[in-house]
């Protein structure tokens, strides 16, 4: 089932001994397979290797903090999602990687090479995809407030689908397309009134939020009417997204019922059959041992069965189904490597372990109350476990990386800590808070390292400051 989370807020020190903290693991040196990259190993000397690269060596070469991506694991997960759909037209992949999870030119090339489509939701993401020469016809452009300049670039690049999100955008895109003699394929984003059981800030299909056209009150139906009035727009389908970090398909069942119902209503009113249905992404990953996500094959089989059943009920042919995994591809292959700077024991409370990063490289704990798994990466330890809170170096009480974790009681300054499952939304949401320099992103594979994004420098930081 989906993770339950508390609304974001000042919950900085409210989890103490005996108040819901899980028991310490039997072996602090063990790496649970579902949480860590598939190549993660604890070697005989005690250090962790990923992609055949010792993390101590990586820290020496690249410094800390650093984001590390297991490239082979990333590619394997991309292939698994495509394989789950079976045969398909390579020009119209059923799986679109949600680039907001993490995007660089190299990652866009990985997605292209593995046969994925790519979702972008900003001019910057679109620019990165085009700079990587990602096939434009396999791009989908999202966003609730796309500028005219962004829409023009999407049109001129030949983006495969543009997801319409407001009445203003329908008219805006139609005018821009007509002026250029183009007829882009578009989808209407629908909010289906399904509340995914996830965090308030990442549940996106309930009525009171900024995305899409609500089914209630007929807004979605009116959006379809307005699109169909424009000869410059080619309506090909309906788009729905119900949230993030979802562990089962039960929410999609209601979403599919309502989305397919709209497709049937469009057929009845306008005499057309929309050929595509995009149910979005949001499938979860294991951040801790308590998380139990389904694999891609089970998820896709469940979604196909749900859509087929709903279409049968309405007498519709089954549309081409697409999904948008981001975290489910990128999350687990990524870790963040830190160096411990201080260890502060508070009698009767907990031990605070401070690392050389924090909320500037991972805001999710502060923003979503996200839970993470971490491990001592540079050595083994036989010391007794202690309850710790891993915190950053920023001037905020809420600067927490891992709220509650068990670490060896002999942890000390200079040790390396690895935080698992940070491949999605950490670098994408990173900031220069306190003028911190954003860490590098390093791909590892077969014992080799490759820097995808270099570490920021003070020169970068000051380059925008005009004095």
Protein backbone atom coordinates (compact mmCIF):
# COMPACT_ATOMS: atom_id res chain seq x y z
CA UNK A 1 0.00 0.00 0.00
CA UNK A 2 1.01 3.61 -0.36
CA UNK A 3 3.16 5.47 2.10
CA UNK A 4 1.22 7.49 4.65
CA UNK A 5 2.95 10.75 5.43
CA UNK A 6 2.37 13.74 7.62
CA UNK A 7 1.78 17.17 6.10
CA UNK A 8 4.95 19.18 5.82
CA UNK A 9 5.61 21.31 8.85
CA UNK A 10 7.87 21.90 11.85
CA UNK A 11 8.07 18.24 12.96
CA UNK A 12 11.73 18.56 13.72
CA UNK A 13 12.24 16.59 16.92
CA UNK A 14 9.07 14.69 17.65
CA UNK A 15 10.20 11.08 17.13
CA UNK A 16 12.08 9.77 20.13
CA UNK A 17 12.86 6.35 21.54
CA UNK A 18 9.79 4.18 21.91
CA UNK A 19 7.54 6.29 19.71
CA UNK A 20 7.27 4.32 16.52
CA UNK A 21 10.94 3.95 15.60
CA UNK A 22 11.49 0.46 14.14
CA UNK A 23 13.79 -1.96 15.91
CA UNK A 24 17.44 -1.93 14.80
CA UNK A 25 18.30 -4.33 11.98
CA UNK A 26 19.95 -7.62 12.82
CA UNK A 27 23.02 -6.61 10.79
CA UNK A 28 23.93 -2.96 10.34
CA UNK A 29 26.39 -3.91 7.61
CA UNK A 30 23.78 -5.61 5.41
CA UNK A 31 22.38 -3.87 2.32
CA UNK A 32 18.73 -4.67 1.61
CA UNK A 33 18.43 -5.43 -2.09
CA UNK A 34 15.13 -3.65 -2.76
CA UNK A 35 16.42 -0.35 -1.34
CA UNK A 36 19.92 -0.19 -2.85
CA UNK A 37 21.13 -0.20 -6.48
CA UNK A 38 21.31 -3.69 -7.91
CA UNK A 39 25.12 -3.60 -8.02
CA UNK A 40 25.59 -2.40 -4.41
CA UNK A 41 27.97 -4.68 -2.50
CA UNK A 42 29.65 -4.67 0.89
CA UNK A 43 33.20 -5.81 0.15
CA UNK A 44 35.53 -7.81 2.41
CA UNK A 45 37.27 -4.64 3.55
CA UNK A 46 33.91 -3.28 4.66
CA UNK A 47 33.40 -0.51 2.13
CA UNK A 48 30.46 -0.34 -0.24
CA UNK A 49 30.94 -0.56 -3.99
CA UNK A 50 28.36 0.44 -6.61
CA UNK A 51 28.81 -0.39 -10.27
CA UNK A 52 32.10 -1.96 -9.26
CA UNK A 53 33.37 1.39 -7.95
CA UNK A 54 34.49 1.61 -4.29
CA UNK A 55 32.75 4.57 -2.71
CA UNK A 56 35.92 5.53 -0.83
CA UNK A 57 37.69 5.87 -4.17
CA UNK A 58 34.82 7.86 -5.62
CA UNK A 59 34.88 10.22 -2.64
CA UNK A 60 38.62 10.74 -3.08
CA UNK A 61 38.22 11.48 -6.79
CA UNK A 62 35.01 13.50 -6.79
CA UNK A 63 34.67 14.78 -3.24
CA UNK A 64 31.51 14.76 -1.15
CA UNK A 65 28.62 15.18 -1.19
CA UNK A 66 28.08 13.43 -4.51
CA UNK A 67 25.15 11.85 -6.28
CA UNK A 68 25.99 8.43 -7.69
CA UNK A 69 23.93 6.61 -10.35
CA UNK A 70 24.23 2.92 -11.21
CA UNK A 71 23.87 3.29 -14.99
CA UNK A 72 23.27 -0.43 -15.66
CA UNK A 73 20.52 -0.51 -13.02
CA UNK A 74 18.84 2.56 -14.52
CA UNK A 75 18.86 1.00 -17.96
CA UNK A 76 17.64 -2.35 -16.63
CA UNK A 77 14.60 -0.72 -15.01
CA UNK A 78 13.82 1.20 -18.20
CA UNK A 79 13.94 -2.02 -20.21
CA UNK A 80 11.75 -3.81 -17.66
CA UNK A 81 8.98 -1.23 -18.03
CA UNK A 82 9.06 -1.52 -21.81
CA UNK A 83 9.17 -5.32 -21.67
CA UNK A 84 6.12 -5.31 -19.40
CA UNK A 85 4.07 -3.86 -22.28
CA UNK A 86 5.27 -6.45 -24.79
CA UNK A 87 5.28 -5.70 -28.52
CA UNK A 88 4.77 -2.07 -29.49
CA UNK A 89 5.60 0.42 -32.22
CA UNK A 90 9.11 1.74 -31.46
CA UNK A 91 8.03 5.16 -32.73
CA UNK A 92 5.20 5.24 -30.16
CA UNK A 93 6.65 3.82 -26.94
CA UNK A 94 4.12 3.06 -24.18
CA UNK A 95 6.60 4.16 -21.49
CA UNK A 96 7.61 7.81 -21.15
CA UNK A 97 10.32 8.55 -18.60
CA UNK A 98 9.18 11.44 -16.38
CA UNK A 99 12.24 13.64 -16.64
CA UNK A 100 11.34 15.79 -13.64
CA UNK A 101 12.66 12.91 -11.52
CA UNK A 102 16.15 13.63 -12.84
CA UNK A 103 17.31 14.81 -16.23
CA UNK A 104 20.65 15.47 -17.84
CA UNK A 105 21.79 15.14 -21.44
CA UNK A 106 23.28 11.73 -20.67
CA UNK A 107 20.08 10.51 -19.01
CA UNK A 108 18.03 11.71 -22.00
CA UNK A 109 20.36 9.68 -24.22
CA UNK A 110 19.92 6.62 -21.98
CA UNK A 111 16.16 6.97 -22.33
CA UNK A 112 16.44 7.32 -26.11
CA UNK A 113 18.77 4.35 -26.42
CA UNK A 114 16.49 2.15 -24.34
CA UNK A 115 13.49 3.06 -26.51
CA UNK A 116 11.56 5.21 -24.02
CA UNK A 117 9.53 8.30 -24.61
CA UNK A 118 10.30 11.34 -22.49
CA UNK A 119 8.06 13.72 -20.55
CA UNK A 120 9.17 17.30 -20.06
CA UNK A 121 7.33 19.97 -18.10
CA UNK A 122 9.39 23.13 -18.58
CA UNK A 123 11.37 25.00 -21.19
CA UNK A 124 14.58 23.94 -19.47
CA UNK A 125 13.69 20.25 -19.56
CA UNK A 126 12.70 20.60 -23.21
CA UNK A 127 15.99 22.36 -23.99
CA UNK A 128 17.96 19.58 -22.29
CA UNK A 129 16.13 16.87 -24.22
CA UNK A 130 16.67 18.68 -27.53
CA UNK A 131 20.34 19.32 -26.71
CA UNK A 132 20.71 15.57 -26.22
CA UNK A 133 19.07 15.07 -29.64
CA UNK A 134 16.24 13.11 -28.11
CA UNK A 135 13.71 12.21 -30.86
CA UNK A 136 11.18 15.03 -30.64
CA UNK A 137 8.26 12.87 -31.76
CA UNK A 138 8.76 10.79 -28.59
CA UNK A 139 8.47 13.84 -26.32
CA UNK A 140 5.38 14.80 -24.32
CA UNK A 141 5.18 18.37 -22.98
CA UNK A 142 3.38 18.85 -19.66
CA UNK A 143 2.82 21.87 -17.43
CA UNK A 144 -0.03 23.93 -16.02
CA UNK A 145 1.27 27.29 -17.26
CA UNK A 146 3.36 26.85 -20.41
CA UNK A 147 4.51 30.17 -21.81
CA UNK A 148 4.00 31.14 -25.43
CA UNK A 149 7.77 30.90 -25.95
CA UNK A 150 7.78 27.36 -24.58
CA UNK A 151 4.86 26.34 -26.76
CA UNK A 152 6.51 27.83 -29.84
CA UNK A 153 9.67 25.88 -29.17
CA UNK A 154 7.67 22.69 -28.70
CA UNK A 155 5.79 23.28 -31.95
CA UNK A 156 8.88 24.09 -33.96
CA UNK A 157 10.76 21.11 -32.53
CA UNK A 158 7.95 18.73 -33.47
CA UNK A 159 7.14 17.54 -29.94
CA UNK A 160 4.96 14.44 -30.18
CA UNK A 161 2.22 15.47 -27.75
CA UNK A 162 1.30 18.57 -25.81
CA UNK A 163 -0.86 18.04 -22.73
CA UNK A 164 -3.38 20.87 -22.40
CA UNK A 165 -4.05 22.11 -18.90
CA UNK A 166 -6.26 25.23 -19.11
CA UNK A 167 -8.77 26.99 -21.34
CA UNK A 168 -6.26 29.79 -21.94
CA UNK A 169 -3.67 27.28 -23.09
CA UNK A 170 -6.09 25.69 -25.57
CA UNK A 171 -6.61 29.04 -27.31
CA UNK A 172 -2.95 30.04 -26.96
CA UNK A 173 -1.64 26.85 -28.56
CA UNK A 174 -4.27 26.85 -31.28
CA UNK A 175 -3.33 30.37 -32.31
CA UNK A 176 0.39 29.67 -32.31
CA UNK A 177 -0.09 26.46 -34.28
CA UNK A 178 -2.38 28.07 -36.86
CA UNK A 179 0.09 30.89 -37.41
CA UNK A 180 2.75 28.31 -38.28
CA UNK A 181 0.57 26.00 -40.32
CA UNK A 182 1.05 23.18 -37.81
CA UNK A 183 -1.40 20.74 -36.23
CA UNK A 184 0.10 19.31 -33.03
CA UNK A 185 -1.24 16.22 -31.35
CA UNK A 186 -2.70 17.17 -27.98
CA UNK A 187 -4.14 15.49 -24.90
CA UNK A 188 -6.49 16.95 -22.30
CA UNK A 189 -5.36 16.56 -18.71
CA UNK A 190 -8.26 15.49 -16.52
CA UNK A 191 -8.48 15.56 -12.74
CA UNK A 192 -10.55 12.49 -11.99
CA UNK A 193 -11.31 13.15 -8.31
CA UNK A 194 -9.19 10.24 -7.04
CA UNK A 195 -7.19 10.92 -3.88
CA UNK A 196 -4.07 8.78 -3.98
CA UNK A 197 -3.11 7.79 -0.44
CA UNK A 198 0.12 9.69 -0.44
CA UNK A 199 1.46 13.01 0.84
CA UNK A 200 -0.82 16.05 0.49
CA UNK A 201 1.70 17.88 -1.70
CA UNK A 202 2.19 15.02 -4.20
CA UNK A 203 -1.42 13.86 -4.58
CA UNK A 204 -2.49 15.46 -7.84
CA UNK A 205 -5.91 14.16 -8.90
CA UNK A 206 -8.18 15.52 -6.17
CA UNK A 207 -10.39 18.45 -7.10
CA UNK A 208 -8.75 21.27 -5.15
CA UNK A 209 -5.42 21.65 -6.94
CA UNK A 210 -3.85 23.41 -9.89
CA UNK A 211 -3.57 20.67 -12.52
CA UNK A 212 -5.95 19.83 -15.32
CA UNK A 213 -9.70 20.00 -15.92
CA UNK A 214 -12.04 18.57 -13.31
CA UNK A 215 -14.61 16.00 -14.38
CA UNK A 216 -17.05 17.47 -11.90
CA UNK A 217 -19.03 20.41 -13.21
CA UNK A 218 -18.32 19.39 -16.80
CA UNK A 219 -15.02 21.28 -17.11
CA UNK A 220 -13.22 18.37 -18.79
CA UNK A 221 -16.04 17.91 -21.29
CA UNK A 222 -16.00 21.63 -22.06
CA UNK A 223 -12.23 21.51 -22.59
CA UNK A 224 -12.72 18.74 -25.13
CA UNK A 225 -15.37 20.79 -26.94
CA UNK A 226 -13.05 23.79 -27.14
CA UNK A 227 -10.17 21.71 -28.46
CA UNK A 228 -12.37 20.14 -31.14
CA UNK A 229 -13.45 23.60 -32.33
CA UNK A 230 -9.84 24.36 -33.31
CA UNK A 231 -8.80 22.85 -36.64
CA UNK A 232 -5.17 23.51 -35.65
CA UNK A 233 -5.32 20.99 -32.77
CA UNK A 234 -5.40 17.20 -33.18
CA UNK A 235 -6.99 15.69 -30.06
CA UNK A 236 -5.57 12.18 -29.60
CA UNK A 237 -6.32 11.31 -25.99
CA UNK A 238 -6.96 11.90 -22.33
CA UNK A 239 -4.28 12.27 -19.67
CA UNK A 240 -4.66 11.56 -15.95
CA UNK A 241 -2.20 11.51 -13.06
CA UNK A 242 -3.31 10.66 -9.54
CA UNK A 243 -0.21 11.23 -7.41
CA UNK A 244 3.24 9.96 -6.50
CA UNK A 245 4.86 7.18 -4.47
CA UNK A 246 1.87 4.87 -5.02
CA UNK A 247 2.36 1.19 -4.22
CA UNK A 248 -0.66 -0.44 -5.84
CA UNK A 249 -3.10 0.01 -8.72
CA UNK A 250 -6.31 0.46 -6.71
CA UNK A 251 -6.36 4.22 -7.24
CA UNK A 252 -5.86 3.71 -10.96
CA UNK A 253 -8.98 1.55 -11.06
CA UNK A 254 -11.23 4.48 -10.18
CA UNK A 255 -9.18 6.85 -12.34
CA UNK A 256 -9.47 4.54 -15.35
CA UNK A 257 -13.21 4.12 -14.81
CA UNK A 258 -13.74 7.87 -14.87
CA UNK A 259 -11.28 8.59 -17.69
CA UNK A 260 -12.74 5.87 -19.90
CA UNK A 261 -16.20 7.19 -19.05
CA UNK A 262 -15.13 10.55 -20.46
CA UNK A 263 -13.81 8.87 -23.62
CA UNK A 264 -17.20 7.16 -24.01
CA UNK A 265 -19.01 10.48 -23.51
CA UNK A 266 -16.80 12.06 -26.18
CA UNK A 267 -17.72 9.26 -28.56
CA UNK A 268 -21.41 9.73 -27.84
CA UNK A 269 -21.37 13.53 -28.15
CA UNK A 270 -18.87 14.04 -30.96
CA UNK A 271 -18.81 10.71 -32.78
CA UNK A 272 -15.06 10.26 -32.42
CA UNK A 273 -12.95 7.63 -30.67
CA UNK A 274 -9.86 8.90 -28.94
CA UNK A 275 -7.03 6.44 -29.55
CA UNK A 276 -4.85 7.14 -26.48
CA UNK A 277 -5.12 7.06 -22.70
CA UNK A 278 -2.21 8.14 -20.49
CA UNK A 279 -2.60 7.16 -16.83
CA UNK A 280 0.50 9.05 -15.73
CA UNK A 281 3.10 7.77 -13.33
CA UNK A 282 3.63 8.00 -9.61
CA UNK A 283 4.50 4.37 -8.91
CA UNK A 284 6.54 4.07 -5.75
CA UNK A 285 9.88 2.58 -4.79
CA UNK A 286 11.33 1.16 -1.60
CA UNK A 287 12.96 3.88 0.47
CA UNK A 288 13.02 1.68 3.59
CA UNK A 289 12.53 -1.99 4.46
CA UNK A 290 8.87 -1.24 5.24
CA UNK A 291 8.08 -0.27 1.63
CA UNK A 292 6.88 -3.05 -0.67
CA UNK A 293 6.34 -1.82 -4.24
CA UNK A 294 5.13 -4.10 -7.02
CA UNK A 295 7.34 -4.72 -10.04
CA UNK A 296 6.72 -3.26 -13.48
CA UNK A 297 5.21 -6.44 -14.95
CA UNK A 298 2.59 -6.71 -12.21
CA UNK A 299 1.75 -3.01 -12.43
CA UNK A 300 1.36 -2.99 -16.21
CA UNK A 301 -0.68 -6.21 -16.17
CA UNK A 302 -2.97 -4.65 -13.57
CA UNK A 303 -3.38 -1.41 -15.51
CA UNK A 304 -4.10 -3.24 -18.77
CA UNK A 305 -6.73 -5.38 -17.10
CA UNK A 306 -8.39 -2.37 -15.49
CA UNK A 307 -8.55 -0.39 -18.75
CA UNK A 308 -9.74 -3.41 -20.78
CA UNK A 309 -12.53 -4.08 -18.31
CA UNK A 310 -13.67 -0.46 -18.30
CA UNK A 311 -13.60 -0.23 -22.09
CA UNK A 312 -15.61 -3.45 -22.40
CA UNK A 313 -18.24 -1.98 -20.10
CA UNK A 314 -18.60 1.11 -22.33
CA UNK A 315 -18.35 -0.78 -25.61
CA UNK A 316 -15.08 0.91 -26.53
CA UNK A 317 -12.01 -0.43 -28.28
CA UNK A 318 -9.09 -0.43 -25.88
CA UNK A 319 -6.98 2.71 -26.47
CA UNK A 320 -3.21 2.75 -26.65
CA UNK A 321 -2.14 2.89 -23.00
CA UNK A 322 0.87 4.90 -21.86
CA UNK A 323 2.47 5.42 -18.47
CA UNK A 324 5.09 7.83 -17.12
CA UNK A 325 7.43 6.24 -14.57
CA UNK A 326 10.11 8.59 -13.29
CA UNK A 327 11.01 7.62 -9.74
CA UNK A 328 10.31 3.95 -10.56
CA UNK A 329 13.19 4.05 -13.05
CA UNK A 330 15.61 6.59 -11.57
CA UNK A 331 15.02 6.43 -7.82
CA UNK A 332 16.66 3.20 -6.67
CA UNK A 333 19.74 3.34 -8.97
CA UNK A 334 20.84 6.56 -7.27
CA UNK A 335 22.51 7.15 -3.90
CA UNK A 336 24.05 10.20 -2.24
CA UNK A 337 27.47 9.94 -0.65
CA UNK A 338 28.36 12.19 2.30
CA UNK A 339 31.23 12.61 4.73
CA UNK A 340 30.49 12.84 8.45
CA UNK A 341 31.68 16.08 10.03
CA UNK A 342 30.44 15.96 13.63
CA UNK A 343 28.71 13.50 15.96
CA UNK A 344 26.71 15.04 18.78
CA UNK A 345 25.13 12.85 21.46
CA UNK A 346 22.14 14.23 23.35
CA UNK A 347 21.63 12.28 26.58
CA UNK A 348 18.26 10.56 26.72
CA UNK A 349 17.32 11.67 23.23
CA UNK A 350 19.35 10.67 20.20
CA UNK A 351 22.66 11.20 18.42
CA UNK A 352 22.92 13.82 15.71
CA UNK A 353 25.26 12.88 12.88
CA UNK A 354 26.07 15.91 10.74
CA UNK A 355 27.15 15.46 7.12
CA UNK A 356 28.58 17.83 4.55
CA UNK A 357 25.36 18.26 2.58
CA UNK A 358 21.75 18.55 3.66
CA UNK A 359 18.54 20.15 2.51
CA UNK A 360 20.27 21.87 -0.43
CA UNK A 361 20.89 18.47 -2.03
CA UNK A 362 17.86 16.63 -0.58
CA UNK A 363 14.87 18.78 0.35
CA UNK A 364 12.44 15.85 0.38
CA UNK A 365 12.75 15.04 4.07
CA UNK A 366 11.94 18.61 5.06
CA UNK A 367 9.30 19.06 2.35
CA UNK A 368 7.48 15.71 2.40
CA UNK A 369 8.65 14.09 5.66
CA UNK A 370 10.30 11.51 3.41
CA UNK A 371 11.98 8.48 4.99
CA UNK A 372 15.34 7.13 3.84
CA UNK A 373 17.76 4.29 4.50
CA UNK A 374 21.43 5.01 5.05
CA UNK A 375 24.55 2.99 5.78
CA UNK A 376 28.14 3.44 6.83
CA UNK A 377 29.87 3.21 3.45
CA UNK A 378 33.60 3.35 4.15
CA UNK A 379 34.06 0.42 6.55
CA UNK A 380 32.41 -2.35 8.52
CA UNK A 381 31.54 -1.92 12.16
CA UNK A 382 30.79 -4.38 14.93
CA UNK A 383 29.72 -1.63 17.32
CA UNK A 384 26.29 -1.66 18.89
CA UNK A 385 23.54 0.18 17.00
CA UNK A 386 22.50 3.65 18.10
CA UNK A 387 19.45 5.67 17.13
CA UNK A 388 20.67 8.59 15.05
CA UNK A 389 19.36 11.51 13.07
CA UNK A 390 21.43 12.40 10.01
CA UNK A 391 21.36 16.16 9.55
CA UNK A 392 22.93 18.65 7.18
CA UNK A 393 25.07 21.73 7.64
CA UNK A 394 22.47 24.37 6.82
CA UNK A 395 21.16 27.05 9.15
CA UNK A 396 17.77 25.38 9.66
CA UNK A 397 16.49 23.12 12.43
CA UNK A 398 14.57 21.25 9.76
CA UNK A 399 17.72 20.46 7.80
CA UNK A 400 17.29 16.70 8.15
CA UNK A 401 18.53 14.09 5.68
CA UNK A 402 17.39 10.92 7.49
CA UNK A 403 15.01 11.53 10.35
CA UNK A 404 15.56 8.28 12.24
CA UNK A 405 18.07 5.57 11.46
CA UNK A 406 20.24 3.03 13.22
CA UNK A 407 23.98 3.55 12.80
CA UNK A 408 27.01 1.96 14.48
CA UNK A 409 27.74 3.66 17.77
CA UNK A 410 31.40 4.12 16.79
CA UNK A 411 30.60 6.36 13.83
CA UNK A 412 32.96 9.31 13.74
CA UNK A 413 34.09 12.32 11.75
CA UNK A 414 35.61 11.30 8.44
CA UNK A 415 33.37 8.27 7.95
CA UNK A 416 31.38 8.08 4.71
CA UNK A 417 27.60 7.67 4.77
CA UNK A 418 25.56 6.52 1.78
CA UNK A 419 21.86 7.40 1.60
CA UNK A 420 19.90 5.03 -0.63
CA UNK A 421 17.20 5.72 -3.23
CA UNK A 422 18.06 9.35 -3.95
CA UNK A 423 18.12 9.08 -7.74
CA UNK A 424 14.78 10.82 -8.16
CA UNK A 425 13.91 14.41 -7.20
CA UNK A 426 17.03 15.10 -5.12
CA UNK A 427 19.32 16.67 -7.72
CA UNK A 428 16.24 17.96 -9.57
CA UNK A 429 15.11 19.89 -6.48
CA UNK A 430 18.60 20.88 -5.29
CA UNK A 431 19.30 24.51 -4.45
CA UNK A 432 22.05 26.91 -3.48
CA UNK A 433 20.55 27.58 -0.05
CA UNK A 434 23.16 29.15 2.22
CA UNK A 435 25.16 29.51 -1.02
CA UNK A 436 25.87 25.79 -1.01
CA UNK A 437 27.43 24.36 -4.16
CA UNK A 438 25.34 21.66 -5.80
CA UNK A 439 27.07 18.27 -5.86
CA UNK A 440 28.18 16.42 -8.99
CA UNK A 441 26.23 13.56 -10.53
CA UNK A 442 28.49 10.61 -11.25
CA UNK A 443 27.49 7.55 -13.25
CA UNK A 444 29.20 4.28 -12.34
CA UNK A 445 29.34 1.13 -14.44
CA UNK A 446 31.78 -1.75 -14.75
CA UNK A 447 34.26 -0.21 -12.32
CA UNK A 448 34.40 3.09 -14.20
CA UNK A 449 33.06 6.54 -13.29
CA UNK A 450 31.71 9.24 -15.57
CA UNK A 451 30.69 12.71 -14.41
CA UNK A 452 27.28 13.63 -15.86
CA UNK A 453 26.98 16.97 -14.06
CA UNK A 454 30.10 18.49 -12.55
CA UNK A 455 30.23 19.96 -9.08
CA UNK A 456 29.36 23.64 -8.94
CA UNK A 457 32.17 26.01 -8.02
CA UNK A 458 32.30 29.39 -6.37
CA UNK A 459 32.95 30.80 -9.84
CA UNK A 460 29.58 29.38 -10.94
CA UNK A 461 27.93 30.77 -7.84
CA UNK A 462 29.29 34.27 -8.31
CA UNK A 463 28.88 34.37 -12.10
CA UNK A 464 25.24 35.46 -11.79
CA UNK A 465 25.99 38.12 -9.16
CA UNK A 466 26.38 41.40 -11.06
CA UNK A 467 27.40 43.32 -7.97
